[in-house]
Amino acid sequence: MVLYLLTNKFHADESLSFAAEVRRIANSIQKDPKQLPLVHVLDRHYPQKQLPRLYKAMDAFVLPTRGEGWVSLTTPPLYEYS
């Protein structure tokens, strides 16, 4: 199993790297790195046209959110789409 994390750079500061943060967390776990799942961080820009092909190549898609902070009278909440 491989986990692909598609993310954007959230900081203008190039020293703040999401991939480096993932490595830091993995290194803090007291296990042999060979026992941990393989993680690839995709932090480059993917054009809108490439996203459907990227998503179709996956077995699962997870969209983490901090909650459903938006309200719409015409669109059901995200959990109703699953």
C-alpha atoms as a PDB file:
ATOM      1  CA  MET A   1       0.000   0.000   0.000  1.00  0.00           C
ATOM      2  CA  VAL A   2       1.224   3.477  -0.840  1.00  0.00           C
ATOM      3  CA  LEU A   3      -0.145   6.760   0.478  1.00  0.00           C
ATOM      4  CA  TYR A   4       0.048   9.709  -1.908  1.00  0.00           C
ATOM      5  CA  LEU A   5      -0.426  13.120  -0.314  1.00  0.00           C
ATOM      6  CA  LEU A   6      -1.411  15.782  -2.828  1.00  0.00           C
ATOM      7  CA  THR A   7      -0.809  19.150  -1.237  1.00  0.00           C
ATOM      8  CA  ASN A   8       0.013  22.730  -2.082  1.00  0.00           C
ATOM      9  CA  LYS A   9       2.786  24.780  -0.614  1.00  0.00           C
ATOM     10  CA  PHE A  10       1.133  26.746   2.153  1.00  0.00           C
ATOM     11  CA  HIS A  11       4.050  29.000   2.997  1.00  0.00           C
ATOM     12  CA  ALA A  12       6.133  31.386   0.969  1.00  0.00           C
ATOM     13  CA  ASP A  13       9.070  30.298   3.143  1.00  0.00           C
ATOM     14  CA  GLU A  14      10.775  27.523   1.126  1.00  0.00           C
ATOM     15  CA  SER A  15      12.353  26.118   4.311  1.00  0.00           C
ATOM     16  CA  LEU A  16       8.893  24.979   5.460  1.00  0.00           C
ATOM     17  CA  SER A  17       8.380  21.719   3.607  1.00  0.00           C
ATOM     18  CA  PHE A  18       5.374  19.433   4.031  1.00  0.00           C
ATOM     19  CA  ALA A  19       7.495  16.482   2.867  1.00  0.00           C
ATOM     20  CA  ALA A  20      10.120  17.317   5.490  1.00  0.00           C
ATOM     21  CA  GLU A  21       7.400  17.435   8.155  1.00  0.00           C
ATOM     22  CA  VAL A  22       6.151  13.982   7.099  1.00  0.00           C
ATOM     23  CA  ARG A  23       9.741  12.663   7.332  1.00  0.00           C
ATOM     24  CA  ARG A  24      10.164  14.263  10.776  1.00  0.00           C
ATOM     25  CA  ILE A  25       7.006  12.570  12.068  1.00  0.00           C
ATOM     26  CA  ALA A  26       8.012   9.209  10.540  1.00  0.00           C
ATOM     27  CA  ASN A  27      11.453   9.474  12.161  1.00  0.00           C
ATOM     28  CA  SER A  28       9.886  10.195  15.553  1.00  0.00           C
ATOM     29  CA  ILE A  29       8.027   6.862  15.475  1.00  0.00           C
ATOM     30  CA  GLN A  30       9.984   4.171  17.266  1.00  0.00           C
ATOM     31  CA  LYS A  31       9.822   1.617  14.430  1.00  0.00           C
ATOM     32  CA  ASP A  32      12.013   0.342  11.678  1.00  0.00           C
ATOM     33  CA  PRO A  33      11.322   2.595   8.646  1.00  0.00           C
ATOM     34  CA  LYS A  34      10.792  -0.553   6.546  1.00  0.00           C
ATOM     35  CA  GLN A  35       7.734  -1.334   8.709  1.00  0.00           C
ATOM     36  CA  LEU A  36       6.088   2.013   7.996  1.00  0.00           C
ATOM     37  CA  PRO A  37       3.813   2.545   4.979  1.00  0.00           C
ATOM     38  CA  LEU A  38       5.340   4.130   1.916  1.00  0.00           C
ATOM     39  CA  VAL A  39       4.371   7.810   1.608  1.00  0.00           C
ATOM     40  CA  HIS A  40       4.857  10.038  -1.442  1.00  0.00           C
ATOM     41  CA  VAL A  41       4.218  13.770  -1.113  1.00  0.00           C
ATOM     42  CA  LEU A  42       3.055  15.386  -4.351  1.00  0.00           C
ATOM     43  CA  ASP A  43       3.630  19.061  -3.675  1.00  0.00           C
ATOM     44  CA  ARG A  44       3.974  20.401  -7.181  1.00  0.00           C
ATOM     45  CA  HIS A  45       1.165  22.069  -9.083  1.00  0.00           C
ATOM     46  CA  TYR A  46      -1.031  19.735 -11.128  1.00  0.00           C
ATOM     47  CA  PRO A  47      -3.077  21.415 -13.864  1.00  0.00           C
ATOM     48  CA  GLN A  48      -6.839  20.945 -13.595  1.00  0.00           C
ATOM     49  CA  LYS A  49      -6.790  18.769 -16.745  1.00  0.00           C
ATOM     50  CA  GLN A  50      -4.438  16.241 -15.079  1.00  0.00           C
ATOM     51  CA  LEU A  51      -6.472  15.772 -11.896  1.00  0.00           C
ATOM     52  CA  PRO A  52      -9.125  13.364 -13.295  1.00  0.00           C
ATOM     53  CA  ARG A  53      -6.399  11.005 -14.552  1.00  0.00           C
ATOM     54  CA  LEU A  54      -4.590  11.246 -11.205  1.00  0.00           C
ATOM     55  CA  TYR A  55      -7.781  10.501  -9.246  1.00  0.00           C
ATOM     56  CA  LYS A  56      -8.778   7.594 -11.525  1.00  0.00           C
ATOM     57  CA  ALA A  57      -5.417   5.929 -10.838  1.00  0.00           C
ATOM     58  CA  MET A  58      -6.240   5.714  -7.118  1.00  0.00           C
ATOM     59  CA  ASP A  59      -8.192   3.085  -5.225  1.00  0.00           C
ATOM     60  CA  ALA A  60      -9.422   5.585  -2.623  1.00  0.00           C
ATOM     61  CA  PHE A  61      -9.745   9.344  -2.274  1.00  0.00           C
ATOM     62  CA  VAL A  62      -9.808  11.104   1.092  1.00  0.00           C
ATOM     63  CA  LEU A  63     -10.566  14.798   1.410  1.00  0.00           C
ATOM     64  CA  PRO A  64      -9.639  15.869   4.923  1.00  0.00           C
ATOM     65  CA  THR A  65     -11.447  18.940   6.188  1.00  0.00           C
ATOM     66  CA  ARG A  66     -11.749  20.725   9.479  1.00  0.00           C
ATOM     67  CA  GLY A  67     -15.494  20.393   9.258  1.00  0.00           C
ATOM     68  CA  GLU A  68     -18.238  21.578   7.040  1.00  0.00           C
ATOM     69  CA  GLY A  69     -17.993  25.264   7.711  1.00  0.00           C
ATOM     70  CA  TRP A  70     -20.085  26.259   4.717  1.00  0.00           C
ATOM     71  CA  VAL A  71     -23.834  26.160   4.415  1.00  0.00           C
ATOM     72  CA  SER A  72     -25.679  25.687   1.162  1.00  0.00           C
ATOM     73  CA  LEU A  73     -29.407  25.321   0.690  1.00  0.00           C
ATOM     74  CA  THR A  74     -28.970  23.486  -2.624  1.00  0.00           C
ATOM     75  CA  THR A  75     -25.939  21.230  -1.983  1.00  0.00           C
ATOM     76  CA  PRO A  76     -26.045  18.374   0.546  1.00  0.00           C
ATOM     77  CA  PRO A  77     -23.231  18.071   3.114  1.00  0.00           C
ATOM     78  CA  LEU A  78     -20.085  16.197   2.002  1.00  0.00           C
ATOM     79  CA  TYR A  79     -20.873  13.090   4.068  1.00  0.00           C
ATOM     80  CA  GLU A  80     -24.021  12.474   1.998  1.00  0.00           C
ATOM     81  CA  TYR A  81     -21.926  11.905  -1.143  1.00  0.00           C
ATOM     82  CA  SER A  82     -20.246   8.780   0.231  1.00  0.00           C
END
